[in-house]
């Protein structure tokens, strides 16, 4: 990977990290996108995005169960 690609990858925002984590939750990700994410994502953003994703997943499941039991 060239220095130019690394510099572009290092500038990934929190919202692009959220998108990468969302695609990871779904399980649909191209190998090239995965490789770019591995080198470009900020670990702090990944942890924060993962926690937000887990909270949304749990809230969705609880809502579905609450709706189904009424």
N, C-alpha and C. Protein backbone atom coordinates (compact mmCIF):
# COMPACT_ATOMS: atom_id res chain seq x y z
N UNK A 1 0.85 -1.17 0.00
CA UNK A 1 0.00 0.00 0.00
C UNK A 1 0.90 1.23 0.00
N UNK A 2 0.59 2.21 -0.83
CA UNK A 2 1.43 3.40 -0.93
C UNK A 2 1.18 4.34 0.23
N UNK A 3 2.11 5.29 0.39
CA UNK A 3 1.97 6.28 1.47
C UNK A 3 0.75 7.15 1.26
N UNK A 4 0.41 7.42 0.01
CA UNK A 4 -0.77 8.25 -0.29
C UNK A 4 -2.05 7.55 0.18
N UNK A 5 -2.17 6.25 -0.07
CA UNK A 5 -3.35 5.50 0.37
C UNK A 5 -3.42 5.43 1.89
N UNK A 6 -2.28 5.28 2.55
CA UNK A 6 -2.26 5.24 4.01
C UNK A 6 -2.70 6.57 4.59
N UNK A 7 -2.25 7.68 3.99
CA UNK A 7 -2.63 9.00 4.48
C UNK A 7 -4.13 9.22 4.31
N UNK A 8 -4.69 8.78 3.19
CA UNK A 8 -6.12 8.92 2.98
C UNK A 8 -6.89 8.05 3.97
N UNK A 9 -6.39 6.84 4.23
CA UNK A 9 -7.06 5.93 5.15
C UNK A 9 -7.00 6.42 6.57
N UNK A 10 -5.94 7.10 6.94
CA UNK A 10 -5.79 7.57 8.31
C UNK A 10 -6.78 8.68 8.64
N UNK A 11 -7.40 9.28 7.64
CA UNK A 11 -8.30 10.39 7.85
C UNK A 11 -9.76 9.95 7.90
N UNK A 12 -10.01 8.70 8.19
CA UNK A 12 -11.38 8.20 8.22
C UNK A 12 -12.12 8.79 9.42
N UNK A 13 -13.34 9.18 9.20
CA UNK A 13 -14.13 9.83 10.24
C UNK A 13 -14.85 8.80 11.10
N UNK A 14 -15.47 9.29 12.16
CA UNK A 14 -16.23 8.41 13.03
C UNK A 14 -17.42 7.81 12.28
N UNK A 15 -18.03 8.58 11.39
CA UNK A 15 -19.19 8.08 10.65
C UNK A 15 -18.80 7.01 9.64
N UNK A 16 -17.63 7.12 9.04
CA UNK A 16 -17.19 6.04 8.15
C UNK A 16 -16.85 4.79 8.96
N UNK A 17 -16.39 4.99 10.20
CA UNK A 17 -16.16 3.85 11.10
C UNK A 17 -17.49 3.20 11.45
N UNK A 18 -18.52 4.01 11.72
CA UNK A 18 -19.86 3.45 12.00
C UNK A 18 -20.36 2.62 10.82
N UNK A 19 -20.14 3.11 9.62
CA UNK A 19 -20.57 2.37 8.43
C UNK A 19 -19.82 1.04 8.32
N UNK A 20 -18.53 1.06 8.58
CA UNK A 20 -17.73 -0.17 8.51
C UNK A 20 -18.20 -1.18 9.55
N UNK A 21 -18.50 -0.71 10.76
CA UNK A 21 -18.97 -1.60 11.83
C UNK A 21 -20.36 -2.13 11.49
N UNK A 22 -21.21 -1.29 10.92
CA UNK A 22 -22.56 -1.74 10.53
C UNK A 22 -22.47 -2.85 9.49
N UNK A 23 -21.60 -2.69 8.49
CA UNK A 23 -21.44 -3.74 7.50
C UNK A 23 -20.85 -5.00 8.12
N UNK A 24 -20.02 -4.84 9.13
CA UNK A 24 -19.46 -6.00 9.82
C UNK A 24 -20.52 -6.76 10.60
N UNK A 25 -21.45 -6.03 11.21
CA UNK A 25 -22.55 -6.68 11.92
C UNK A 25 -23.40 -7.50 10.95
N UNK A 26 -23.63 -6.98 9.76
CA UNK A 26 -24.44 -7.67 8.76
C UNK A 26 -23.65 -8.83 8.16
N UNK A 27 -22.35 -8.67 8.06
CA UNK A 27 -21.51 -9.74 7.51
C UNK A 27 -21.26 -9.61 6.03
N UNK A 28 -21.61 -8.48 5.45
CA UNK A 28 -21.41 -8.26 4.03
C UNK A 28 -20.30 -7.23 3.85
N UNK A 29 -19.12 -7.70 3.50
CA UNK A 29 -17.98 -6.80 3.35
C UNK A 29 -17.04 -7.39 2.32
N UNK A 30 -16.61 -6.57 1.37
CA UNK A 30 -15.62 -7.03 0.39
C UNK A 30 -14.26 -7.14 1.05
N UNK A 31 -13.45 -8.03 0.54
CA UNK A 31 -12.12 -8.22 1.12
C UNK A 31 -11.28 -6.95 1.01
N UNK A 32 -11.39 -6.24 -0.10
CA UNK A 32 -10.61 -5.01 -0.26
C UNK A 32 -11.03 -3.96 0.76
N UNK A 33 -12.34 -3.87 1.04
CA UNK A 33 -12.82 -2.93 2.05
C UNK A 33 -12.34 -3.33 3.44
N UNK A 34 -12.36 -4.63 3.71
CA UNK A 34 -11.87 -5.12 5.00
C UNK A 34 -10.40 -4.78 5.20
N UNK A 35 -9.59 -5.02 4.17
CA UNK A 35 -8.16 -4.73 4.27
C UNK A 35 -7.91 -3.24 4.46
N UNK A 36 -8.71 -2.41 3.81
CA UNK A 36 -8.57 -0.97 3.99
C UNK A 36 -8.95 -0.57 5.41
N UNK A 37 -10.00 -1.18 5.94
CA UNK A 37 -10.44 -0.88 7.30
C UNK A 37 -9.39 -1.28 8.33
N UNK A 38 -8.75 -2.40 8.13
CA UNK A 38 -7.76 -2.89 9.09
C UNK A 38 -6.62 -1.88 9.24
N UNK A 39 -6.25 -1.25 8.17
CA UNK A 39 -5.13 -0.30 8.22
C UNK A 39 -5.56 1.12 8.53
N UNK A 40 -6.85 1.45 8.37
CA UNK A 40 -7.26 2.85 8.43
C UNK A 40 -8.10 3.23 9.64
N UNK A 41 -8.77 2.29 10.27
CA UNK A 41 -9.70 2.65 11.33
C UNK A 41 -8.99 2.94 12.64
N UNK A 42 -9.50 3.93 13.34
CA UNK A 42 -9.00 4.31 14.66
C UNK A 42 -9.57 3.32 15.68
N UNK A 43 -8.75 2.66 16.48
CA UNK A 43 -9.25 1.67 17.43
C UNK A 43 -10.26 2.23 18.43
N UNK A 44 -10.09 3.47 18.83
CA UNK A 44 -11.05 4.09 19.76
C UNK A 44 -12.41 4.23 19.09
N UNK A 45 -12.41 4.64 17.82
CA UNK A 45 -13.67 4.76 17.07
C UNK A 45 -14.33 3.39 16.90
N UNK A 46 -13.51 2.36 16.68
CA UNK A 46 -14.06 1.01 16.50
C UNK A 46 -14.74 0.54 17.78
N UNK A 47 -14.12 0.78 18.92
CA UNK A 47 -14.72 0.37 20.20
C UNK A 47 -16.02 1.13 20.44
N UNK A 48 -15.99 2.45 20.22
CA UNK A 48 -17.20 3.26 20.42
C UNK A 48 -18.32 2.83 19.46
N UNK A 49 -17.98 2.61 18.20
CA UNK A 49 -18.97 2.19 17.21
C UNK A 49 -19.52 0.80 17.54
N UNK A 50 -18.66 -0.09 18.01
CA UNK A 50 -19.11 -1.42 18.41
C UNK A 50 -20.07 -1.38 19.57
N UNK A 51 -19.78 -0.54 20.55
CA UNK A 51 -20.70 -0.39 21.70
C UNK A 51 -22.04 0.19 21.27
N UNK A 52 -22.01 1.18 20.40
CA UNK A 52 -23.26 1.74 19.88
C UNK A 52 -24.04 0.69 19.10
N UNK A 53 -23.33 -0.10 18.28
CA UNK A 53 -23.99 -1.15 17.50
C UNK A 53 -24.61 -2.21 18.38
N UNK A 54 -23.91 -2.61 19.43
CA UNK A 54 -24.45 -3.62 20.35
C UNK A 54 -25.67 -3.06 21.09
N UNK A 55 -25.59 -1.80 21.51
CA UNK A 55 -26.74 -1.18 22.20
C UNK A 55 -27.95 -1.12 21.28
N UNK A 56 -27.75 -0.77 20.02
CA UNK A 56 -28.87 -0.74 19.08
C UNK A 56 -29.43 -2.14 18.81
N UNK A 57 -28.56 -3.12 18.71
CA UNK A 57 -29.00 -4.50 18.49
C UNK A 57 -29.83 -4.99 19.68
N UNK A 58 -29.37 -4.73 20.89
CA UNK A 58 -30.11 -5.15 22.09
C UNK A 58 -31.44 -4.43 22.18
N UNK A 59 -31.44 -3.13 21.90
CA UNK A 59 -32.69 -2.37 21.95
C UNK A 59 -33.69 -2.89 20.92
N UNK A 60 -33.20 -3.23 19.74
CA UNK A 60 -34.08 -3.78 18.71
C UNK A 60 -34.66 -5.13 19.15
N UNK A 61 -33.82 -5.99 19.68
CA UNK A 61 -34.31 -7.30 20.12
C UNK A 61 -35.32 -7.18 21.26
N UNK A 62 -35.05 -6.29 22.20
CA UNK A 62 -36.00 -6.07 23.30
C UNK A 62 -37.32 -5.52 22.79
N UNK A 63 -37.27 -4.64 21.81
CA UNK A 63 -38.50 -4.09 21.23
C UNK A 63 -39.30 -5.16 20.52
N UNK A 64 -38.62 -6.01 19.79
CA UNK A 64 -39.31 -7.11 19.07
C UNK A 64 -39.95 -8.05 20.08
N UNK A 65 -39.25 -8.39 21.14
CA UNK A 65 -39.81 -9.30 22.16
C UNK A 65 -41.00 -8.65 22.86
N UNK A 66 -40.86 -7.37 23.20
CA UNK A 66 -41.97 -6.67 23.85
C UNK A 66 -43.19 -6.61 22.94
N UNK A 67 -42.98 -6.37 21.65
CA UNK A 67 -44.08 -6.33 20.71
C UNK A 67 -44.71 -7.70 20.55
N UNK A 68 -43.91 -8.74 20.52
CA UNK A 68 -44.40 -10.10 20.29
C UNK A 68 -45.16 -10.64 21.50
N UNK A 69 -44.85 -10.18 22.68
CA UNK A 69 -45.50 -10.71 23.88
C UNK A 69 -46.76 -9.95 24.26
N UNK A 70 -47.10 -8.92 23.57
CA UNK A 70 -48.33 -8.16 23.88
C UNK A 70 -49.54 -8.85 23.36
